[in-house]
Amino acid sequence: MAVWMCYSARSTVDKILAIIPPIAAFVAAGFEHSIANMYFIPIALLIKQFGTAKFFETIQKTPADFPHLTLNNFFLVNLVPVTIGNIIGGALMSD
């Protein structure tokens, strides 16, 4: 939807303003995007593994508070199903 709305815009500002509502709706609905997850979850894994004590003090958590944040869960529980859903959703929505 954001891409289609962007095609109807004339200026760069119009394009930026046109893509915000569909993207916000996608996020607000709780959907996930496989490409975004390929960035955010590995960064979270790196922070869990290599984050400093000061960082964890600031957020008032410890790495042990994130037991489900594992590489195995990232691939099998998140990336595979989300990618399949994105492919199916993209195929159905593009008609």
PDB file of N, CA and C in Angstrom:
ATOM      1  N   MET A   1       0.820  -1.181   0.000  1.00  0.00           N
ATOM      2  CA  MET A   1       0.000   0.000   0.000  1.00  0.00           C
ATOM      3  C   MET A   1       0.874   1.258   0.000  1.00  0.00           C
ATOM      4  N   ALA A   2       1.952   1.236   0.797  1.00  0.00           N
ATOM      5  CA  ALA A   2       2.828   2.411   0.859  1.00  0.00           C
ATOM      6  C   ALA A   2       3.458   2.690  -0.498  1.00  0.00           C
ATOM      7  N   VAL A   3       3.842   1.639  -1.209  1.00  0.00           N
ATOM      8  CA  VAL A   3       4.444   1.822  -2.530  1.00  0.00           C
ATOM      9  C   VAL A   3       3.422   2.400  -3.499  1.00  0.00           C
ATOM     10  N   TRP A   4       2.209   1.861  -3.502  1.00  0.00           N
ATOM     11  CA  TRP A   4       1.169   2.371  -4.399  1.00  0.00           C
ATOM     12  C   TRP A   4       0.855   3.829  -4.103  1.00  0.00           C
ATOM     13  N   MET A   5       0.761   4.163  -2.819  1.00  0.00           N
ATOM     14  CA  MET A   5       0.469   5.547  -2.455  1.00  0.00           C
ATOM     15  C   MET A   5       1.625   6.467  -2.844  1.00  0.00           C
ATOM     16  N   CYS A   6       2.828   5.952  -2.778  1.00  0.00           N
ATOM     17  CA  CYS A   6       4.011   6.735  -3.139  1.00  0.00           C
ATOM     18  C   CYS A   6       3.995   7.086  -4.629  1.00  0.00           C
ATOM     19  N   TYR A   7       3.485   6.174  -5.455  1.00  0.00           N
ATOM     20  CA  TYR A   7       3.403   6.450  -6.898  1.00  0.00           C
ATOM     21  C   TYR A   7       2.479   7.627  -7.206  1.00  0.00           C
ATOM     22  N   SER A   8       1.500   7.862  -6.371  1.00  0.00           N
ATOM     23  CA  SER A   8       0.566   8.948  -6.632  1.00  0.00           C
ATOM     24  C   SER A   8       1.086  10.304  -6.151  1.00  0.00           C
ATOM     25  N   ALA A   9       2.178  10.301  -5.400  1.00  0.00           N
ATOM     26  CA  ALA A   9       2.719  11.548  -4.866  1.00  0.00           C
ATOM     27  C   ALA A   9       3.554  12.265  -5.930  1.00  0.00           C
ATOM     28  N   ARG A  10       3.596  13.571  -5.831  1.00  0.00           N
ATOM     29  CA  ARG A  10       4.327  14.361  -6.826  1.00  0.00           C
ATOM     30  C   ARG A  10       5.695  14.815  -6.335  1.00  0.00           C
ATOM     31  N   SER A  11       5.800  15.171  -5.061  1.00  0.00           N
ATOM     32  CA  SER A  11       7.077  15.650  -4.534  1.00  0.00           C
ATOM     33  C   SER A  11       7.613  14.651  -3.499  1.00  0.00           C
ATOM     34  N   THR A  12       8.843  14.882  -3.109  1.00  0.00           N
ATOM     35  CA  THR A  12       9.462  14.016  -2.101  1.00  0.00           C
ATOM     36  C   THR A  12       8.705  14.108  -0.784  1.00  0.00           C
ATOM     37  N   VAL A  13       8.309  15.291  -0.400  1.00  0.00           N
ATOM     38  CA  VAL A  13       7.554  15.462   0.840  1.00  0.00           C
ATOM     39  C   VAL A  13       6.234  14.694   0.756  1.00  0.00           C
ATOM     40  N   ASP A  14       5.557  14.767  -0.389  1.00  0.00           N
ATOM     41  CA  ASP A  14       4.315  14.009  -0.582  1.00  0.00           C
ATOM     42  C   ASP A  14       4.558  12.514  -0.427  1.00  0.00           C
ATOM     43  N   LYS A  15       5.668  12.040  -0.979  1.00  0.00           N
ATOM     44  CA  LYS A  15       5.989  10.603  -0.900  1.00  0.00           C
ATOM     45  C   LYS A  15       6.228  10.180   0.540  1.00  0.00           C
ATOM     46  N   ILE A  16       6.968  10.990   1.279  1.00  0.00           N
ATOM     47  CA  ILE A  16       7.245  10.668   2.685  1.00  0.00           C
ATOM     48  C   ILE A  16       5.942  10.637   3.480  1.00  0.00           C
ATOM     49  N   LEU A  17       5.101  11.643   3.274  1.00  0.00           N
ATOM     50  CA  LEU A  17       3.837  11.696   4.004  1.00  0.00           C
ATOM     51  C   LEU A  17       2.886  10.580   3.575  1.00  0.00           C
ATOM     52  N   ALA A  18       2.996  10.124   2.331  1.00  0.00           N
ATOM     53  CA  ALA A  18       2.108   9.066   1.834  1.00  0.00           C
ATOM     54  C   ALA A  18       2.451   7.697   2.417  1.00  0.00           C
ATOM     55  N   ILE A  19       3.724   7.453   2.707  1.00  0.00           N
ATOM     56  CA  ILE A  19       4.100   6.118   3.189  1.00  0.00           C
ATOM     57  C   ILE A  19       3.899   5.939   4.693  1.00  0.00           C
ATOM     58  N   ILE A  20       3.784   7.024   5.426  1.00  0.00           N
ATOM     59  CA  ILE A  20       3.691   6.915   6.888  1.00  0.00           C
ATOM     60  C   ILE A  20       2.431   6.177   7.356  1.00  0.00           C
ATOM     61  N   PRO A  21       1.220   6.523   6.889  1.00  0.00           N
ATOM     62  CA  PRO A  21       0.029   5.815   7.403  1.00  0.00           C
ATOM     63  C   PRO A  21       0.016   4.298   7.154  1.00  0.00           C
ATOM     64  N   PRO A  22       0.360   3.812   5.953  1.00  0.00           N
ATOM     65  CA  PRO A  22       0.350   2.351   5.780  1.00  0.00           C
ATOM     66  C   PRO A  22       1.398   1.631   6.641  1.00  0.00           C
ATOM     67  N   ILE A  23       2.563   2.236   6.768  1.00  0.00           N
ATOM     68  CA  ILE A  23       3.604   1.613   7.589  1.00  0.00           C
ATOM     69  C   ILE A  23       3.194   1.635   9.060  1.00  0.00           C
ATOM     70  N   ALA A  24       2.639   2.739   9.519  1.00  0.00           N
ATOM     71  CA  ALA A  24       2.176   2.833  10.901  1.00  0.00           C
ATOM     72  C   ALA A  24       1.065   1.824  11.178  1.00  0.00           C
ATOM     73  N   ALA A  25       0.165   1.644  10.222  1.00  0.00           N
ATOM     74  CA  ALA A  25      -0.914   0.659  10.391  1.00  0.00           C
ATOM     75  C   ALA A  25      -0.362  -0.750  10.457  1.00  0.00           C
ATOM     76  N   PHE A  26       0.638  -1.060   9.632  1.00  0.00           N
ATOM     77  CA  PHE A  26       1.285  -2.373   9.626  1.00  0.00           C
ATOM     78  C   PHE A  26       1.893  -2.677  10.997  1.00  0.00           C
ATOM     79  N   VAL A  27       2.601  -1.702  11.536  1.00  0.00           N
ATOM     80  CA  VAL A  27       3.244  -1.876  12.846  1.00  0.00           C
ATOM     81  C   VAL A  27       2.203  -1.931  13.957  1.00  0.00           C
ATOM     82  N   ALA A  28       1.219  -1.044  13.913  1.00  0.00           N
ATOM     83  CA  ALA A  28       0.185  -0.988  14.952  1.00  0.00           C
ATOM     84  C   ALA A  28      -0.641  -2.275  14.990  1.00  0.00           C
ATOM     85  N   ALA A  29      -0.817  -2.922  13.845  1.00  0.00           N
ATOM     86  CA  ALA A  29      -1.573  -4.169  13.794  1.00  0.00           C
ATOM     87  C   ALA A  29      -0.771  -5.348  14.356  1.00  0.00           C
ATOM     88  N   GLY A  30       0.511  -5.137  14.612  1.00  0.00           N
ATOM     89  CA  GLY A  30       1.336  -6.192  15.202  1.00  0.00           C
ATOM     90  C   GLY A  30       1.961  -7.134  14.193  1.00  0.00           C
ATOM     91  N   PHE A  31       1.923  -6.755  12.911  1.00  0.00           N
ATOM     92  CA  PHE A  31       2.546  -7.595  11.892  1.00  0.00           C
ATOM     93  C   PHE A  31       4.058  -7.481  11.974  1.00  0.00           C
ATOM     94  N   GLU A  32       4.744  -8.465  11.438  1.00  0.00           N
ATOM     95  CA  GLU A  32       6.198  -8.443  11.422  1.00  0.00           C
ATOM     96  C   GLU A  32       6.687  -8.527   9.992  1.00  0.00           C
ATOM     97  N   HIS A  33       7.877  -8.006   9.762  1.00  0.00           N
ATOM     98  CA  HIS A  33       8.475  -8.038   8.439  1.00  0.00           C
ATOM     99  C   HIS A  33       9.811  -8.758   8.540  1.00  0.00           C
ATOM    100  N   SER A  34      10.001  -9.763   7.710  1.00  0.00           N
ATOM    101  CA  SER A  34      11.186 -10.605   7.816  1.00  0.00           C
ATOM    102  C   SER A  34      12.484  -9.816   7.642  1.00  0.00           C
ATOM    103  N   ILE A  35      12.502  -8.856   6.742  1.00  0.00           N
ATOM    104  CA  ILE A  35      13.730  -8.085   6.521  1.00  0.00           C
ATOM    105  C   ILE A  35      14.051  -7.235   7.747  1.00  0.00           C
ATOM    106  N   ALA A  36      13.048  -6.603   8.335  1.00  0.00           N
ATOM    107  CA  ALA A  36      13.276  -5.818   9.553  1.00  0.00           C
ATOM    108  C   ALA A  36      13.754  -6.727  10.687  1.00  0.00           C
ATOM    109  N   ASN A  37      13.168  -7.914  10.786  1.00  0.00           N
ATOM    110  CA  ASN A  37      13.566  -8.851  11.842  1.00  0.00           C
ATOM    111  C   ASN A  37      15.007  -9.330  11.659  1.00  0.00           C
ATOM    112  N   MET A  38      15.484  -9.389  10.415  1.00  0.00           N
ATOM    113  CA  MET A  38      16.872  -9.809  10.172  1.00  0.00           C
ATOM    114  C   MET A  38      17.867  -8.764  10.653  1.00  0.00           C
ATOM    115  N   TYR A  39      17.406  -7.580  10.973  1.00  0.00           N
ATOM    116  CA  TYR A  39      18.260  -6.572  11.581  1.00  0.00           C
ATOM    117  C   TYR A  39      18.048  -6.519  13.090  1.00  0.00           C
ATOM    118  N   PHE A  40      16.806  -6.344  13.512  1.00  0.00           N
ATOM    119  CA  PHE A  40      16.530  -6.081  14.915  1.00  0.00           C
ATOM    120  C   PHE A  40      16.861  -7.250  15.841  1.00  0.00           C
ATOM    121  N   ILE A  41      16.524  -8.463  15.449  1.00  0.00           N
ATOM    122  CA  ILE A  41      16.758  -9.606  16.346  1.00  0.00           C
ATOM    123  C   ILE A  41      18.243  -9.928  16.476  1.00  0.00           C
ATOM    124  N   PRO A  42      19.040  -9.965  15.392  1.00  0.00           N
ATOM    125  CA  PRO A  42      20.482 -10.167  15.593  1.00  0.00           C
ATOM    126  C   PRO A  42      21.139  -9.073  16.435  1.00  0.00           C
ATOM    127  N   ILE A  43      20.670  -7.829  16.283  1.00  0.00           N
ATOM    128  CA  ILE A  43      21.208  -6.762  17.139  1.00  0.00           C
ATOM    129  C   ILE A  43      20.867  -7.049  18.602  1.00  0.00           C
ATOM    130  N   ALA A  44      19.637  -7.496  18.852  1.00  0.00           N
ATOM    131  CA  ALA A  44      19.245  -7.848  20.227  1.00  0.00           C
ATOM    132  C   ALA A  44      20.085  -9.004  20.753  1.00  0.00           C
ATOM    133  N   LEU A  45      20.371  -9.977  19.893  1.00  0.00           N
ATOM    134  CA  LEU A  45      21.223 -11.102  20.308  1.00  0.00           C
ATOM    135  C   LEU A  45      22.628 -10.615  20.658  1.00  0.00           C
ATOM    136  N   LEU A  46      23.162  -9.704  19.857  1.00  0.00           N
ATOM    137  CA  LEU A  46      24.492  -9.153  20.150  1.00  0.00           C
ATOM    138  C   LEU A  46      24.485  -8.359  21.451  1.00  0.00           C
ATOM    139  N   ILE A  47      23.443  -7.582  21.668  1.00  0.00           N
ATOM    140  CA  ILE A  47      23.347  -6.820  22.919  1.00  0.00           C
ATOM    141  C   ILE A  47      23.235  -7.760  24.110  1.00  0.00           C
ATOM    142  N   LYS A  48      22.442  -8.814  23.965  1.00  0.00           N
ATOM    143  CA  LYS A  48      22.299  -9.782  25.058  1.00  0.00           C
ATOM    144  C   LYS A  48      23.647 -10.416  25.389  1.00  0.00           C
ATOM    145  N   GLN A  49      24.423 -10.726  24.362  1.00  0.00           N
ATOM    146  CA  GLN A  49      25.707 -11.401  24.568  1.00  0.00           C
ATOM    147  C   GLN A  49      26.810 -10.447  25.017  1.00  0.00           C
ATOM    148  N   PHE A  50      26.870  -9.258  24.400  1.00  0.00           N
ATOM    149  CA  PHE A  50      28.012  -8.378  24.619  1.00  0.00           C
ATOM    150  C   PHE A  50      27.669  -7.043  25.274  1.00  0.00           C
ATOM    151  N   GLY A  51      26.420  -6.870  25.685  1.00  0.00           N
ATOM    152  CA  GLY A  51      26.025  -5.616  26.328  1.00  0.00           C
ATOM    153  C   GLY A  51      26.775  -5.390  27.624  1.00  0.00           C
ATOM    154  N   THR A  52      27.053  -4.143  27.909  1.00  0.00           N
ATOM    155  CA  THR A  52      27.805  -3.817  29.124  1.00  0.00           C
ATOM    156  C   THR A  52      26.883  -3.840  30.350  1.00  0.00           C
ATOM    157  N   ALA A  53      27.493  -3.948  31.497  1.00  0.00           N
ATOM    158  CA  ALA A  53      26.736  -3.937  32.750  1.00  0.00           C
ATOM    159  C   ALA A  53      25.996  -2.614  32.903  1.00  0.00           C
ATOM    160  N   LYS A  54      26.603  -1.526  32.449  1.00  0.00           N
ATOM    161  CA  LYS A  54      25.957  -0.208  32.534  1.00  0.00           C
ATOM    162  C   LYS A  54      24.669  -0.185  31.705  1.00  0.00           C
ATOM    163  N   PHE A  55      24.701  -0.799  30.519  1.00  0.00           N
ATOM    164  CA  PHE A  55      23.506  -0.851  29.684  1.00  0.00           C
ATOM    165  C   PHE A  55      22.385  -1.586  30.412  1.00  0.00           C
ATOM    166  N   PHE A  56      22.694  -2.760  30.956  1.00  0.00           N
ATOM    167  CA  PHE A  56      21.668  -3.555  31.626  1.00  0.00           C
ATOM    168  C   PHE A  56      21.190  -2.897  32.920  1.00  0.00           C
ATOM    169  N   GLU A  57      22.059  -2.156  33.583  1.00  0.00           N
ATOM    170  CA  GLU A  57      21.620  -1.373  34.752  1.00  0.00           C
ATOM    171  C   GLU A  57      20.631  -0.292  34.319  1.00  0.00           C
ATOM    172  N   THR A  58      20.907   0.338  33.198  1.00  0.00           N
ATOM    173  CA  THR A  58      20.050   1.422  32.701  1.00  0.00           C
ATOM    174  C   THR A  58      18.644   0.918  32.391  1.00  0.00           C
ATOM    175  N   ILE A  59      18.549  -0.264  31.781  1.00  0.00           N
ATOM    176  CA  ILE A  59      17.226  -0.790  31.441  1.00  0.00           C
ATOM    177  C   ILE A  59      16.635  -1.641  32.572  1.00  0.00           C
ATOM    178  N   GLN A  60      17.385  -1.778  33.653  1.00  0.00           N
ATOM    179  CA  GLN A  60      16.957  -2.530  34.833  1.00  0.00           C
ATOM    180  C   GLN A  60      16.583  -3.973  34.499  1.00  0.00           C
ATOM    181  N   LYS A  61      17.397  -4.586  33.669  1.00  0.00           N
ATOM    182  CA  LYS A  61      17.229  -5.995  33.289  1.00  0.00           C
ATOM    183  C   LYS A  61      18.594  -6.661  33.295  1.00  0.00           C
ATOM    184  N   THR A  62      18.589  -7.979  33.138  1.00  0.00           N
ATOM    185  CA  THR A  62      19.820  -8.740  32.957  1.00  0.00           C
ATOM    186  C   THR A  62      19.647  -9.600  31.706  1.00  0.00           C
ATOM    187  N   PRO A  63      20.739 -10.106  31.142  1.00  0.00           N
ATOM    188  CA  PRO A  63      20.591 -11.006  29.989  1.00  0.00           C
ATOM    189  C   PRO A  63      19.712 -12.221  30.303  1.00  0.00           C
ATOM    190  N   ALA A  64      19.682 -12.630  31.552  1.00  0.00           N
ATOM    191  CA  ALA A  64      18.853 -13.777  31.955  1.00  0.00           C
ATOM    192  C   ALA A  64      17.360 -13.482  31.843  1.00  0.00           C
ATOM    193  N   ASP A  65      17.000 -12.202  31.760  1.00  0.00           N
ATOM    194  CA  ASP A  65      15.594 -11.829  31.607  1.00  0.00           C
ATOM    195  C   ASP A  65      15.066 -12.084  30.195  1.00  0.00           C
ATOM    196  N   PHE A  66      15.936 -12.513  29.301  1.00  0.00           N
ATOM    197  CA  PHE A  66      15.555 -12.755  27.909  1.00  0.00           C
ATOM    198  C   PHE A  66      15.897 -14.187  27.494  1.00  0.00           C
ATOM    199  N   PRO A  67      15.319 -15.176  28.168  1.00  0.00           N
ATOM    200  CA  PRO A  67      15.706 -16.571  27.882  1.00  0.00           C
ATOM    201  C   PRO A  67      15.273 -17.057  26.498  1.00  0.00           C
ATOM    202  N   HIS A  68      14.235 -16.476  25.929  1.00  0.00           N
ATOM    203  CA  HIS A  68      13.757 -16.934  24.620  1.00  0.00           C
ATOM    204  C   HIS A  68      14.480 -16.253  23.465  1.00  0.00           C
ATOM    205  N   LEU A  69      15.349 -15.313  23.774  1.00  0.00           N
ATOM    206  CA  LEU A  69      16.110 -14.619  22.739  1.00  0.00           C
ATOM    207  C   LEU A  69      17.361 -15.433  22.430  1.00  0.00           C
ATOM    208  N   THR A  70      17.180 -16.392  21.510  1.00  0.00           N
ATOM    209  CA  THR A  70      18.281 -17.265  21.110  1.00  0.00           C
ATOM    210  C   THR A  70      18.351 -17.322  19.587  1.00  0.00           C
ATOM    211  N   LEU A  71      19.476 -17.738  19.078  1.00  0.00           N
ATOM    212  CA  LEU A  71      19.648 -17.868  17.635  1.00  0.00           C
ATOM    213  C   LEU A  71      18.696 -18.913  17.068  1.00  0.00           C
ATOM    214  N   ASN A  72      18.527 -20.008  17.780  1.00  0.00           N
ATOM    215  CA  ASN A  72      17.615 -21.066  17.338  1.00  0.00           C
ATOM    216  C   ASN A  72      16.173 -20.545  17.253  1.00  0.00           C
ATOM    217  N   ASN A  73      15.723 -19.840  18.282  1.00  0.00           N
ATOM    218  CA  ASN A  73      14.370 -19.274  18.256  1.00  0.00           C
ATOM    219  C   ASN A  73      14.230 -18.224  17.153  1.00  0.00           C
ATOM    220  N   PHE A  74      15.281 -17.471  16.925  1.00  0.00           N
ATOM    221  CA  PHE A  74      15.227 -16.465  15.862  1.00  0.00           C
ATOM    222  C   PHE A  74      14.915 -17.127  14.520  1.00  0.00           C
ATOM    223  N   PHE A  75      15.641 -18.187  14.191  1.00  0.00           N
ATOM    224  CA  PHE A  75      15.431 -18.821  12.886  1.00  0.00           C
ATOM    225  C   PHE A  75      14.135 -19.621  12.828  1.00  0.00           C
ATOM    226  N   LEU A  76      13.943 -20.520  13.795  1.00  0.00           N
ATOM    227  CA  LEU A  76      12.831 -21.468  13.700  1.00  0.00           C
ATOM    228  C   LEU A  76      11.489 -20.899  14.145  1.00  0.00           C
ATOM    229  N   VAL A  77      11.489 -20.063  15.154  1.00  0.00           N
ATOM    230  CA  VAL A  77      10.230 -19.566  15.707  1.00  0.00           C
ATOM    231  C   VAL A  77       9.831 -18.232  15.077  1.00  0.00           C
ATOM    232  N   ASN A  78      10.817 -17.480  14.583  1.00  0.00           N
ATOM    233  CA  ASN A  78      10.483 -16.167  14.044  1.00  0.00           C
ATOM    234  C   ASN A  78      10.713 -16.071  12.548  1.00  0.00           C
ATOM    235  N   LEU A  79      11.951 -16.214  12.096  1.00  0.00           N
ATOM    236  CA  LEU A  79      12.283 -15.879  10.716  1.00  0.00           C
ATOM    237  C   LEU A  79      11.555 -16.748   9.690  1.00  0.00           C
ATOM    238  N   VAL A  80      11.527 -18.046   9.897  1.00  0.00           N
ATOM    239  CA  VAL A  80      10.860 -18.935   8.924  1.00  0.00           C
ATOM    240  C   VAL A  80       9.359 -18.633   8.829  1.00  0.00           C
ATOM    241  N   PRO A  81       8.610 -18.618   9.952  1.00  0.00           N
ATOM    242  CA  PRO A  81       7.178 -18.333   9.812  1.00  0.00           C
ATOM    243  C   PRO A  81       6.873 -16.923   9.300  1.00  0.00           C
ATOM    244  N   VAL A  82       7.653 -15.938   9.740  1.00  0.00           N
ATOM    245  CA  VAL A  82       7.406 -14.561   9.299  1.00  0.00           C
ATOM    246  C   VAL A  82       7.692 -14.428   7.804  1.00  0.00           C
ATOM    247  N   THR A  83       8.751 -15.057   7.336  1.00  0.00           N
ATOM    248  CA  THR A  83       9.067 -15.003   5.910  1.00  0.00           C
ATOM    249  C   THR A  83       7.978 -15.673   5.084  1.00  0.00           C
ATOM    250  N   ILE A  84       7.514 -16.823   5.523  1.00  0.00           N
ATOM    251  CA  ILE A  84       6.414 -17.504   4.815  1.00  0.00           C
ATOM    252  C   ILE A  84       5.170 -16.613   4.810  1.00  0.00           C
ATOM    253  N   GLY A  85       4.856 -16.014   5.937  1.00  0.00           N
ATOM    254  CA  GLY A  85       3.709 -15.110   6.012  1.00  0.00           C
ATOM    255  C   GLY A  85       3.865 -13.894   5.118  1.00  0.00           C
ATOM    256  N   ASN A  86       5.079 -13.340   5.055  1.00  0.00           N
ATOM    257  CA  ASN A  86       5.315 -12.199   4.174  1.00  0.00           C
ATOM    258  C   ASN A  86       5.153 -12.586   2.706  1.00  0.00           C
ATOM    259  N   ILE A  87       5.603 -13.773   2.351  1.00  0.00           N
ATOM    260  CA  ILE A  87       5.470 -14.229   0.963  1.00  0.00           C
ATOM    261  C   ILE A  87       3.991 -14.427   0.618  1.00  0.00           C
ATOM    262  N   ILE A  88       3.262 -15.103   1.492  1.00  0.00           N
ATOM    263  CA  ILE A  88       1.830 -15.338   1.246  1.00  0.00           C
ATOM    264  C   ILE A  88       1.069 -14.014   1.234  1.00  0.00           C
ATOM    265  N   GLY A  89       1.331 -13.161   2.218  1.00  0.00           N
ATOM    266  CA  GLY A  89       0.656 -11.866   2.267  1.00  0.00           C
ATOM    267  C   GLY A  89       0.974 -11.007   1.058  1.00  0.00           C
ATOM    268  N   GLY A  90       2.238 -11.012   0.641  1.00  0.00           N
ATOM    269  CA  GLY A  90       2.620 -10.235  -0.535  1.00  0.00           C
ATOM    270  C   GLY A  90       1.975 -10.776  -1.810  1.00  0.00           C
ATOM    271  N   ALA A  91       1.869 -12.087  -1.899  1.00  0.00           N
ATOM    272  CA  ALA A  91       1.243 -12.686  -3.083  1.00  0.00           C
ATOM    273  C   ALA A  91      -0.248 -12.385  -3.135  1.00  0.00           C
ATOM    274  N   LEU A  92      -0.905 -12.417  -1.991  1.00  0.00           N
ATOM    275  CA  LEU A  92      -2.343 -12.158  -1.959  1.00  0.00           C
ATOM    276  C   LEU A  92      -2.678 -10.684  -2.119  1.00  0.00           C
ATOM    277  N   MET A  93      -1.825  -9.821  -1.566  1.00  0.00           N
ATOM    278  CA  MET A  93      -2.104  -8.392  -1.608  1.00  0.00           C
ATOM    279  C   MET A  93      -1.698  -7.752  -2.940  1.00  0.00           C
ATOM    280  N   SER A  94      -0.900  -8.436  -3.735  1.00  0.00           N
ATOM    281  CA  SER A  94      -0.422  -7.825  -4.977  1.00  0.00           C
ATOM    282  C   SER A  94      -1.379  -8.030  -6.142  1.00  0.00           C
ATOM    283  N   ASP A  95      -2.438  -8.793  -5.945  1.00  0.00           N
ATOM    284  CA  ASP A  95      -3.383  -9.004  -7.061  1.00  0.00           C
ATOM    285  C   ASP A  95      -4.258  -7.826  -7.306  1.00  0.00           C
TER     286      ASP A  95
END
